[in-house]
């Protein structure tokens, strides 16, 4: 992978601990509607929602995301601990 590709994929990612289960992920809020999440562990082992999905015989790739993690990220945005890149202000960052 080129340095440019690595920068594009990883720039702006910040660690986030799920407020529900404690799983750590890397997150970037490009806008209020767009969230990039990079799992740092095997989601089917570290996230109870993904684990239950797998235990029920479903492939974890078929689960878009964990709603509890999404709620946790939304809470971090709301309390200012996770910044949102605001494209309408030419990449300025809003929030923590």
N, C-alpha and C. Protein backbone atom coordinates (compact mmCIF):
# COMPACT_ATOMS: atom_id res chain seq x y z
N UNK A 1 0.85 -1.17 0.00
CA UNK A 1 0.00 0.00 0.00
C UNK A 1 0.90 1.24 0.00
N UNK A 2 0.54 2.21 -0.79
CA UNK A 2 1.33 3.44 -0.86
C UNK A 2 1.12 4.28 0.39
N UNK A 3 2.04 5.20 0.61
CA UNK A 3 1.92 6.11 1.75
C UNK A 3 0.66 6.96 1.62
N UNK A 4 0.34 7.37 0.39
CA UNK A 4 -0.87 8.17 0.17
C UNK A 4 -2.13 7.38 0.53
N UNK A 5 -2.18 6.12 0.13
CA UNK A 5 -3.34 5.27 0.44
C UNK A 5 -3.46 5.06 1.94
N UNK A 6 -2.34 4.80 2.61
CA UNK A 6 -2.35 4.62 4.05
C UNK A 6 -2.84 5.88 4.75
N UNK A 7 -2.35 7.03 4.31
CA UNK A 7 -2.78 8.31 4.90
C UNK A 7 -4.28 8.52 4.70
N UNK A 8 -4.78 8.23 3.50
CA UNK A 8 -6.20 8.39 3.21
C UNK A 8 -7.06 7.51 4.11
N UNK A 9 -6.60 6.28 4.34
CA UNK A 9 -7.38 5.31 5.10
C UNK A 9 -7.29 5.52 6.62
N UNK A 10 -6.21 6.10 7.09
CA UNK A 10 -6.01 6.19 8.53
C UNK A 10 -6.03 7.60 9.10
N UNK A 11 -5.93 8.62 8.27
CA UNK A 11 -5.89 10.00 8.77
C UNK A 11 -7.18 10.33 9.52
N UNK A 12 -7.01 10.90 10.67
CA UNK A 12 -8.17 11.34 11.44
C UNK A 12 -8.82 10.29 12.31
N UNK A 13 -8.36 9.04 12.23
CA UNK A 13 -8.94 8.00 13.09
C UNK A 13 -8.53 8.25 14.54
N UNK A 14 -9.51 8.15 15.43
CA UNK A 14 -9.27 8.36 16.86
C UNK A 14 -9.76 7.14 17.63
N UNK A 15 -9.06 6.77 18.70
CA UNK A 15 -9.52 5.64 19.50
C UNK A 15 -10.84 5.96 20.19
N UNK A 16 -11.68 4.95 20.26
CA UNK A 16 -12.97 5.10 20.94
C UNK A 16 -13.29 3.80 21.66
N UNK A 17 -13.69 3.93 22.92
CA UNK A 17 -14.11 2.77 23.70
C UNK A 17 -15.63 2.75 23.75
N UNK A 18 -16.21 1.64 23.30
CA UNK A 18 -17.67 1.50 23.32
C UNK A 18 -18.17 1.65 24.75
N UNK A 19 -19.13 2.52 24.94
CA UNK A 19 -19.67 2.77 26.28
C UNK A 19 -20.55 1.63 26.77
N UNK A 20 -20.88 0.71 25.89
CA UNK A 20 -21.69 -0.44 26.29
C UNK A 20 -20.84 -1.62 26.73
N UNK A 21 -19.83 -1.97 25.92
CA UNK A 21 -19.07 -3.20 26.22
C UNK A 21 -17.58 -2.99 26.44
N UNK A 22 -17.08 -1.80 26.13
CA UNK A 22 -15.66 -1.53 26.35
C UNK A 22 -14.75 -1.90 25.20
N UNK A 23 -15.30 -2.38 24.10
CA UNK A 23 -14.48 -2.70 22.93
C UNK A 23 -13.85 -1.42 22.39
N UNK A 24 -12.56 -1.49 22.04
CA UNK A 24 -11.88 -0.35 21.45
C UNK A 24 -11.90 -0.46 19.93
N UNK A 25 -12.21 0.66 19.27
CA UNK A 25 -12.17 0.77 17.82
C UNK A 25 -11.49 2.09 17.48
N UNK A 26 -11.17 2.27 16.21
CA UNK A 26 -10.71 3.56 15.72
C UNK A 26 -11.86 4.17 14.92
N UNK A 27 -12.13 5.45 15.13
CA UNK A 27 -13.29 6.10 14.53
C UNK A 27 -12.89 7.43 13.90
N UNK A 28 -13.55 7.73 12.79
CA UNK A 28 -13.44 9.06 12.17
C UNK A 28 -14.84 9.47 11.75
N UNK A 29 -15.27 10.63 12.22
CA UNK A 29 -16.55 11.19 11.81
C UNK A 29 -16.27 12.20 10.70
N UNK A 30 -16.52 11.81 9.46
CA UNK A 30 -16.31 12.70 8.33
C UNK A 30 -17.41 13.75 8.25
N UNK A 31 -18.59 13.39 8.71
CA UNK A 31 -19.74 14.29 8.79
C UNK A 31 -20.69 13.66 9.79
N UNK A 32 -21.78 14.33 10.10
CA UNK A 32 -22.74 13.73 11.03
C UNK A 32 -23.32 12.44 10.47
N UNK A 33 -23.41 12.34 9.14
CA UNK A 33 -24.00 11.16 8.52
C UNK A 33 -22.99 10.06 8.19
N UNK A 34 -21.70 10.37 8.17
CA UNK A 34 -20.69 9.39 7.74
C UNK A 34 -19.68 9.11 8.83
N UNK A 35 -19.61 7.84 9.21
CA UNK A 35 -18.67 7.39 10.24
C UNK A 35 -17.80 6.28 9.67
N UNK A 36 -16.49 6.41 9.83
CA UNK A 36 -15.56 5.35 9.47
C UNK A 36 -15.14 4.65 10.76
N UNK A 37 -15.28 3.33 10.78
CA UNK A 37 -14.90 2.55 11.96
C UNK A 37 -13.89 1.50 11.53
N UNK A 38 -12.79 1.42 12.26
CA UNK A 38 -11.79 0.39 12.02
C UNK A 38 -11.68 -0.43 13.31
N UNK A 39 -12.05 -1.68 13.20
CA UNK A 39 -11.97 -2.57 14.36
C UNK A 39 -10.51 -2.91 14.61
N UNK A 40 -10.09 -2.89 15.86
CA UNK A 40 -8.71 -3.22 16.22
C UNK A 40 -8.61 -4.63 16.78
N UNK A 41 -9.75 -5.28 16.93
CA UNK A 41 -9.82 -6.65 17.43
C UNK A 41 -10.81 -7.42 16.55
N UNK A 42 -10.92 -8.69 16.78
CA UNK A 42 -11.91 -9.51 16.09
C UNK A 42 -13.27 -9.17 16.71
N UNK A 43 -14.11 -8.51 15.94
CA UNK A 43 -15.41 -8.03 16.46
C UNK A 43 -16.25 -9.17 17.01
N UNK A 44 -16.16 -10.35 16.42
CA UNK A 44 -16.99 -11.47 16.88
C UNK A 44 -16.53 -12.00 18.24
N UNK A 45 -15.36 -11.57 18.69
CA UNK A 45 -14.88 -11.98 20.02
C UNK A 45 -14.96 -10.86 21.04
N UNK A 46 -14.83 -9.62 20.58
CA UNK A 46 -14.77 -8.50 21.54
C UNK A 46 -16.10 -7.79 21.72
N UNK A 47 -17.01 -7.92 20.77
CA UNK A 47 -18.30 -7.22 20.83
C UNK A 47 -19.42 -8.23 21.08
N UNK A 48 -20.15 -8.09 22.17
CA UNK A 48 -21.23 -9.04 22.46
C UNK A 48 -22.29 -9.12 21.36
N UNK A 49 -22.56 -8.02 20.68
CA UNK A 49 -23.56 -8.02 19.61
C UNK A 49 -23.09 -8.87 18.44
N UNK A 50 -21.83 -8.67 18.03
CA UNK A 50 -21.26 -9.48 16.95
C UNK A 50 -21.15 -10.94 17.38
N UNK A 51 -20.75 -11.18 18.64
CA UNK A 51 -20.62 -12.54 19.15
C UNK A 51 -21.96 -13.27 19.10
N UNK A 52 -23.04 -12.60 19.47
CA UNK A 52 -24.37 -13.22 19.44
C UNK A 52 -24.78 -13.52 18.00
N UNK A 53 -24.42 -12.64 17.10
CA UNK A 53 -24.72 -12.83 15.68
C UNK A 53 -24.03 -14.11 15.17
N UNK A 54 -22.76 -14.27 15.54
CA UNK A 54 -21.99 -15.45 15.12
C UNK A 54 -22.53 -16.71 15.81
N UNK A 55 -22.85 -16.61 17.10
CA UNK A 55 -23.39 -17.76 17.84
C UNK A 55 -24.70 -18.26 17.24
N UNK A 56 -25.44 -17.34 16.61
CA UNK A 56 -26.70 -17.72 15.96
C UNK A 56 -26.47 -18.30 14.56
N UNK A 57 -25.20 -18.44 14.18
CA UNK A 57 -24.87 -19.06 12.89
C UNK A 57 -24.79 -18.12 11.71
N UNK A 58 -24.81 -16.83 11.98
CA UNK A 58 -24.72 -15.86 10.90
C UNK A 58 -23.29 -15.35 10.77
N UNK A 59 -22.90 -15.01 9.56
CA UNK A 59 -21.54 -14.51 9.29
C UNK A 59 -21.45 -13.07 9.77
N UNK A 60 -20.37 -12.70 10.48
CA UNK A 60 -20.27 -11.33 11.01
C UNK A 60 -20.20 -10.27 9.91
N UNK A 61 -19.78 -10.62 8.72
CA UNK A 61 -19.72 -9.65 7.63
C UNK A 61 -21.11 -9.18 7.21
N UNK A 62 -22.15 -9.94 7.58
CA UNK A 62 -23.51 -9.56 7.22
C UNK A 62 -24.12 -8.56 8.20
N UNK A 63 -23.41 -8.28 9.29
CA UNK A 63 -23.88 -7.29 10.26
C UNK A 63 -23.16 -5.99 9.96
N UNK A 64 -23.91 -4.97 9.57
CA UNK A 64 -23.31 -3.71 9.16
C UNK A 64 -22.49 -3.08 10.28
N UNK A 65 -23.08 -2.96 11.44
CA UNK A 65 -22.38 -2.42 12.60
C UNK A 65 -23.14 -2.82 13.85
N UNK A 66 -22.59 -2.49 14.97
CA UNK A 66 -23.25 -2.72 16.25
C UNK A 66 -23.99 -1.45 16.63
N UNK A 67 -25.29 -1.54 16.85
CA UNK A 67 -26.08 -0.36 17.21
C UNK A 67 -25.60 0.25 18.53
N UNK A 68 -25.13 -0.59 19.45
CA UNK A 68 -24.65 -0.06 20.72
C UNK A 68 -23.38 0.76 20.50
N UNK A 69 -22.51 0.29 19.59
CA UNK A 69 -21.31 1.05 19.24
C UNK A 69 -21.71 2.35 18.54
N UNK A 70 -22.66 2.27 17.63
CA UNK A 70 -23.13 3.48 16.93
C UNK A 70 -23.69 4.49 17.93
N UNK A 71 -24.44 4.02 18.92
CA UNK A 71 -24.98 4.90 19.95
C UNK A 71 -23.85 5.51 20.79
N UNK A 72 -22.83 4.72 21.07
CA UNK A 72 -21.69 5.19 21.84
C UNK A 72 -20.95 6.29 21.09
N UNK A 73 -20.76 6.10 19.80
CA UNK A 73 -20.09 7.11 18.97
C UNK A 73 -20.94 8.38 18.92
N UNK A 74 -22.24 8.22 18.73
CA UNK A 74 -23.14 9.38 18.71
C UNK A 74 -23.07 10.14 20.03
N UNK A 75 -22.99 9.42 21.14
CA UNK A 75 -22.86 10.05 22.45
C UNK A 75 -21.56 10.82 22.58
N UNK A 76 -20.48 10.26 22.03
CA UNK A 76 -19.17 10.93 22.07
C UNK A 76 -19.20 12.20 21.23
N UNK A 77 -19.90 12.17 20.12
CA UNK A 77 -20.05 13.39 19.30
C UNK A 77 -20.87 14.42 20.07
N UNK A 78 -21.96 13.97 20.67
CA UNK A 78 -22.85 14.88 21.40
C UNK A 78 -22.15 15.56 22.58
N UNK A 79 -21.29 14.80 23.28
CA UNK A 79 -20.62 15.41 24.43
C UNK A 79 -19.30 16.09 24.08
N UNK A 80 -18.96 16.07 22.77
CA UNK A 80 -17.77 16.79 22.32
C UNK A 80 -16.47 16.04 22.44
N UNK A 81 -16.50 14.78 22.87
CA UNK A 81 -15.25 14.03 23.01
C UNK A 81 -14.79 13.41 21.70
N UNK A 82 -15.64 13.44 20.67
CA UNK A 82 -15.26 12.98 19.33
C UNK A 82 -15.63 14.06 18.34
N UNK A 83 -14.65 14.54 17.61
CA UNK A 83 -14.86 15.64 16.66
C UNK A 83 -15.48 15.14 15.36
N UNK A 84 -16.19 16.04 14.70
CA UNK A 84 -16.76 15.77 13.39
C UNK A 84 -16.12 16.73 12.40
N UNK A 85 -15.54 16.17 11.32
CA UNK A 85 -15.01 17.02 10.26
C UNK A 85 -16.20 17.61 9.52
N UNK A 86 -16.27 18.89 9.44
CA UNK A 86 -17.41 19.56 8.82
C UNK A 86 -17.00 20.01 7.42
N UNK A 87 -17.42 19.26 6.41
CA UNK A 87 -17.04 19.54 5.03
C UNK A 87 -17.58 20.89 4.56
N UNK A 88 -18.66 21.36 5.14
CA UNK A 88 -19.22 22.63 4.70
C UNK A 88 -18.33 23.81 5.10
N UNK A 89 -17.37 23.54 6.01
CA UNK A 89 -16.45 24.60 6.41
C UNK A 89 -15.03 24.26 5.95
N UNK A 90 -14.91 23.65 4.77
CA UNK A 90 -13.63 23.31 4.15
C UNK A 90 -12.73 22.50 5.06
N UNK A 91 -13.29 21.46 5.67
CA UNK A 91 -12.50 20.53 6.46
C UNK A 91 -12.26 20.96 7.88
N UNK A 92 -12.85 22.05 8.33
CA UNK A 92 -12.69 22.46 9.72
C UNK A 92 -13.28 21.39 10.61
N UNK A 93 -12.79 21.29 11.81
CA UNK A 93 -13.27 20.25 12.72
C UNK A 93 -14.15 20.88 13.78
N UNK A 94 -15.27 20.22 14.04
CA UNK A 94 -16.22 20.68 15.04
C UNK A 94 -16.20 19.67 16.18
N UNK A 95 -16.29 20.14 17.37
CA UNK A 95 -16.31 19.25 18.54
C UNK A 95 -14.93 19.04 19.08
N UNK A 96 -14.84 18.16 20.15
CA UNK A 96 -13.65 17.87 20.92
C UNK A 96 -12.46 17.61 20.18
